[in-house]
């Protein structure tokens, strides 16, 4: 048993180790959009071991690192497709950043970024787009700058 003279010291838990090339924001940490929005936004995350079949809807930013089959709707929020993610989905979001693999159409009100190791097979409809060297894309692109302006009005 412990006596009054003995004390217990606790060592703080080590911070989580990032194993993928995808940036990870701690749960509940404030995030800001590229437009300089300083409002506090939460980030939900689906880990790499999760597999979902069905529709995902939400009103917060989402990072997916697992497998998803089904529609994803995050209108007004950002979807980050992690480097280990495999999505077979129709996607509606404000911004979409792709580090992993997406099969399906992307509809982003503001922006789509396909990163170096990212892959999109499907049509993209957005106001702004960026496809880095080394990324894979097969489909059509419709750029409509009025999408972003209409949302701001």
Protein backbone atom coordinates (compact mmCIF):
# COMPACT_ATOMS: atom_id res chain seq x y z
CA UNK A 1 0.00 0.00 0.00
CA UNK A 2 1.01 3.61 -0.36
CA UNK A 3 1.98 5.64 2.66
CA UNK A 4 1.69 9.39 2.98
CA UNK A 5 5.41 9.83 2.33
CA UNK A 6 5.31 8.02 -1.03
CA UNK A 7 4.13 9.89 -4.11
CA UNK A 8 3.09 8.67 -7.49
CA UNK A 9 4.47 10.44 -10.51
CA UNK A 10 2.70 10.13 -13.80
CA UNK A 11 4.45 10.56 -17.09
CA UNK A 12 2.45 12.38 -19.72
CA UNK A 13 1.24 10.31 -22.64
CA UNK A 14 3.35 10.66 -25.75
CA UNK A 15 1.73 12.59 -28.59
CA UNK A 16 0.35 10.46 -31.44
CA UNK A 17 2.88 9.56 -34.10
CA UNK A 18 1.98 10.55 -37.63
CA UNK A 19 2.62 7.60 -39.95
CA UNK A 20 1.17 8.82 -43.24
CA UNK A 21 2.05 11.73 -45.47
CA UNK A 22 -1.37 13.23 -44.78
CA UNK A 23 -1.44 16.18 -42.41
CA UNK A 24 -3.39 15.35 -39.26
CA UNK A 25 -5.13 17.99 -37.18
CA UNK A 26 -5.90 16.98 -33.57
CA UNK A 27 -9.57 16.44 -32.83
CA UNK A 28 -11.25 19.64 -31.73
CA UNK A 29 -8.35 21.84 -32.84
CA UNK A 30 -9.36 24.97 -34.70
CA UNK A 31 -8.84 24.87 -38.42
CA UNK A 32 -9.15 27.69 -40.90
CA UNK A 33 -10.00 27.66 -44.55
CA UNK A 34 -7.79 29.02 -47.30
CA UNK A 35 -10.03 32.07 -47.42
CA UNK A 36 -8.72 33.31 -44.07
CA UNK A 37 -11.78 32.34 -42.09
CA UNK A 38 -10.83 32.45 -38.42
CA UNK A 39 -13.99 30.79 -37.12
CA UNK A 40 -13.38 27.70 -35.01
CA UNK A 41 -14.14 24.57 -37.03
CA UNK A 42 -13.95 20.99 -35.87
CA UNK A 43 -12.41 18.10 -37.77
CA UNK A 44 -13.79 14.59 -37.68
CA UNK A 45 -11.59 11.68 -38.77
CA UNK A 46 -12.29 8.17 -40.03
CA UNK A 47 -9.19 6.04 -39.41
CA UNK A 48 -7.43 3.79 -41.88
CA UNK A 49 -8.90 0.56 -40.45
CA UNK A 50 -12.51 1.72 -40.95
CA UNK A 51 -14.65 0.55 -43.86
CA UNK A 52 -18.01 2.20 -44.45
CA UNK A 53 -20.75 1.29 -46.90
CA UNK A 54 -23.46 3.92 -46.94
CA UNK A 55 -24.08 7.63 -47.04
CA UNK A 56 -22.03 10.13 -45.00
CA UNK A 57 -23.45 13.58 -44.30
CA UNK A 58 -22.14 16.17 -41.89
CA UNK A 59 -21.66 19.76 -40.87
CA UNK A 60 -17.96 19.67 -40.00
CA UNK A 61 -14.67 19.10 -41.79
CA UNK A 62 -13.81 15.43 -42.32
CA UNK A 63 -10.62 13.49 -42.96
CA UNK A 64 -11.00 9.96 -44.28
CA UNK A 65 -8.11 7.50 -44.17
CA UNK A 66 -10.13 4.28 -44.61
CA UNK A 67 -12.46 2.84 -47.26
CA UNK A 68 -15.85 4.35 -48.10
CA UNK A 69 -18.49 3.20 -50.59
CA UNK A 70 -21.36 5.65 -50.80
CA UNK A 71 -22.22 9.31 -51.16
CA UNK A 72 -20.42 11.92 -49.04
CA UNK A 73 -22.07 15.30 -48.45
CA UNK A 74 -20.26 17.95 -46.39
CA UNK A 75 -21.76 21.08 -47.92
CA UNK A 76 -19.91 24.13 -46.67
CA UNK A 77 -17.06 22.05 -45.23
CA UNK A 78 -13.77 20.46 -46.28
CA UNK A 79 -13.13 16.80 -47.07
CA UNK A 80 -9.55 15.53 -46.87
CA UNK A 81 -8.95 12.17 -48.54
CA UNK A 82 -5.95 10.72 -46.68
CA UNK A 83 -3.08 8.91 -48.36
CA UNK A 84 -4.43 5.48 -47.30
CA UNK A 85 -8.05 6.28 -48.24
CA UNK A 86 -9.99 4.53 -50.99
CA UNK A 87 -13.30 6.19 -51.81
CA UNK A 88 -15.91 4.98 -54.24
CA UNK A 89 -18.17 7.97 -53.74
CA UNK A 90 -20.09 10.88 -55.17
CA UNK A 91 -18.69 13.81 -53.16
CA UNK A 92 -20.26 17.20 -52.38
CA UNK A 93 -18.19 19.59 -50.25
CA UNK A 94 -16.89 23.13 -50.10
CA UNK A 95 -13.27 22.02 -50.53
CA UNK A 96 -11.78 18.61 -51.37
CA UNK A 97 -8.10 17.74 -50.87
CA UNK A 98 -7.06 14.35 -52.31
CA UNK A 99 -3.95 12.52 -51.10
CA UNK A 100 -5.44 9.03 -51.67
CA UNK A 101 -7.73 7.39 -54.23
CA UNK A 102 -11.19 8.57 -55.29
CA UNK A 103 -13.45 6.86 -57.80
CA UNK A 104 -16.52 9.02 -58.39
CA UNK A 105 -17.53 12.57 -59.18
CA UNK A 106 -16.33 15.53 -57.08
CA UNK A 107 -18.52 18.62 -56.64
CA UNK A 108 -16.69 21.31 -54.68
CA UNK A 109 -18.12 24.80 -54.24
CA UNK A 110 -14.71 26.43 -53.66
CA UNK A 111 -11.71 24.26 -54.54
CA UNK A 112 -10.31 20.82 -55.39
CA UNK A 113 -6.65 19.96 -54.75
CA UNK A 114 -5.26 16.67 -56.06
CA UNK A 115 -1.89 16.13 -54.41
CA UNK A 116 1.19 14.37 -55.86
CA UNK A 117 0.20 10.80 -54.93
CA UNK A 118 -3.55 11.44 -55.22
CA UNK A 119 -5.82 9.79 -57.77
CA UNK A 120 -9.24 10.83 -59.07
CA UNK A 121 -11.22 8.83 -61.60
CA UNK A 122 -14.40 10.79 -62.25
CA UNK A 123 -15.67 14.22 -63.19
CA UNK A 124 -14.77 17.32 -61.18
CA UNK A 125 -16.97 20.40 -60.88
CA UNK A 126 -15.50 23.32 -58.92
CA UNK A 127 -14.62 27.02 -58.93
CA UNK A 128 -10.84 26.43 -58.57
CA UNK A 129 -8.64 23.38 -59.10
CA UNK A 130 -5.05 22.32 -58.52
CA UNK A 131 -3.53 19.06 -59.77
CA UNK A 132 0.08 18.53 -58.72
CA UNK A 133 2.76 16.80 -60.79
CA UNK A 134 2.57 13.04 -60.26
CA UNK A 135 -1.16 13.04 -59.47
CA UNK A 136 -3.49 10.81 -61.47
CA UNK A 137 -6.71 12.17 -62.98
CA UNK A 138 -9.10 10.64 -65.47
CA UNK A 139 -12.35 12.42 -66.21
CA UNK A 140 -13.79 15.80 -67.12
CA UNK A 141 -13.29 19.12 -65.35
CA UNK A 142 -15.91 21.85 -65.23
CA UNK A 143 -14.59 25.09 -63.75
CA UNK A 144 -17.33 27.52 -62.76
CA UNK A 145 -16.01 30.52 -60.79
CA UNK A 146 -19.57 31.70 -60.13
CA UNK A 147 -20.06 28.75 -57.75
CA UNK A 148 -17.81 30.35 -55.15
CA UNK A 149 -19.20 33.84 -55.74
CA UNK A 150 -22.83 32.68 -55.47
CA UNK A 151 -22.09 31.06 -52.12
CA UNK A 152 -20.49 34.28 -50.84
CA UNK A 153 -23.51 36.42 -51.77
